């Protein structure tokens, strides 16, 4: 399953850091961030709980870019 989320991030480099952090999160098969549209696309692994995974993604992204936000 693939879903998109609205995000807030200040620069393209920070957006790339968020995408990289999301990709390394358990339950995420793939992730990308479009800085121009302020959207994050997340493809979940088979059987992964979307809400649990997205909480972990938000936490991972906050570690690399503390002033970012993902609207779940």
Protein backbone atom coordinates (compact mmCIF):
# COMPACT_ATOMS: atom_id res chain seq x y z
CA UNK A 1 0.00 0.00 0.00
CA UNK A 2 1.26 3.47 -0.87
CA UNK A 3 0.06 6.72 0.73
CA UNK A 4 0.96 10.40 0.53
CA UNK A 5 1.25 12.79 3.45
CA UNK A 6 1.48 16.57 3.65
CA UNK A 7 4.74 17.73 5.21
CA UNK A 8 6.41 20.94 6.34
CA UNK A 9 10.12 21.26 5.70
CA UNK A 10 12.35 24.29 5.07
CA UNK A 11 14.82 23.14 2.42
CA UNK A 12 15.37 20.49 -0.23
CA UNK A 13 18.37 19.05 1.62
CA UNK A 14 16.25 18.59 4.75
CA UNK A 15 13.55 16.92 2.65
CA UNK A 16 16.14 14.45 1.36
CA UNK A 17 17.23 13.69 4.93
CA UNK A 18 13.60 12.98 5.81
CA UNK A 19 13.20 10.61 2.86
CA UNK A 20 16.38 8.75 3.81
CA UNK A 21 15.26 8.42 7.45
CA UNK A 22 11.83 7.17 6.38
CA UNK A 23 13.33 4.53 4.06
CA UNK A 24 15.33 3.09 6.97
CA UNK A 25 12.23 2.75 9.19
CA UNK A 26 10.86 -0.76 9.83
CA UNK A 27 7.68 -1.36 7.86
CA UNK A 28 8.61 1.03 5.03
CA UNK A 29 9.31 -0.55 1.64
CA UNK A 30 10.09 2.79 -0.04
CA UNK A 31 9.69 6.50 0.63
CA UNK A 32 10.22 9.74 -1.25
CA UNK A 33 9.74 13.43 -0.57
CA UNK A 34 8.73 16.06 -3.10
CA UNK A 35 10.02 19.34 -1.67
CA UNK A 36 8.19 21.51 -4.21
CA UNK A 37 4.79 19.95 -3.42
CA UNK A 38 5.59 19.40 0.29
CA UNK A 39 4.47 15.77 0.06
CA UNK A 40 5.94 12.53 1.35
CA UNK A 41 5.00 9.27 -0.36
CA UNK A 42 5.40 6.11 1.69
CA UNK A 43 5.05 2.56 0.43
CA UNK A 44 4.43 0.17 3.29
CA UNK A 45 5.72 -3.40 3.55
CA UNK A 46 3.18 -6.21 3.32
CA UNK A 47 1.24 -6.53 6.59
CA UNK A 48 2.67 -3.37 8.17
CA UNK A 49 0.35 -1.26 10.35
CA UNK A 50 0.21 2.16 8.71
CA UNK A 51 -0.39 4.20 11.88
CA UNK A 52 2.38 2.50 13.86
CA UNK A 53 4.84 2.79 10.99
CA UNK A 54 4.04 6.48 10.41
CA UNK A 55 4.60 7.29 14.08
CA UNK A 56 8.04 5.69 13.75
CA UNK A 57 8.67 7.59 10.50
CA UNK A 58 7.74 10.90 12.17
CA UNK A 59 10.09 10.13 15.08
CA UNK A 60 12.95 9.19 12.71
CA UNK A 61 12.43 12.36 10.66
CA UNK A 62 12.39 14.54 13.79
CA UNK A 63 15.80 13.08 14.71
CA UNK A 64 17.38 14.26 11.46
CA UNK A 65 15.36 17.48 11.04
CA UNK A 66 13.78 18.63 14.30
CA UNK A 67 11.65 21.43 12.82
CA UNK A 68 9.95 19.27 10.18
CA UNK A 69 6.37 18.04 10.40
CA UNK A 70 4.44 15.16 8.84
CA UNK A 71 0.67 15.42 8.94
CA UNK A 72 -0.60 11.91 9.60
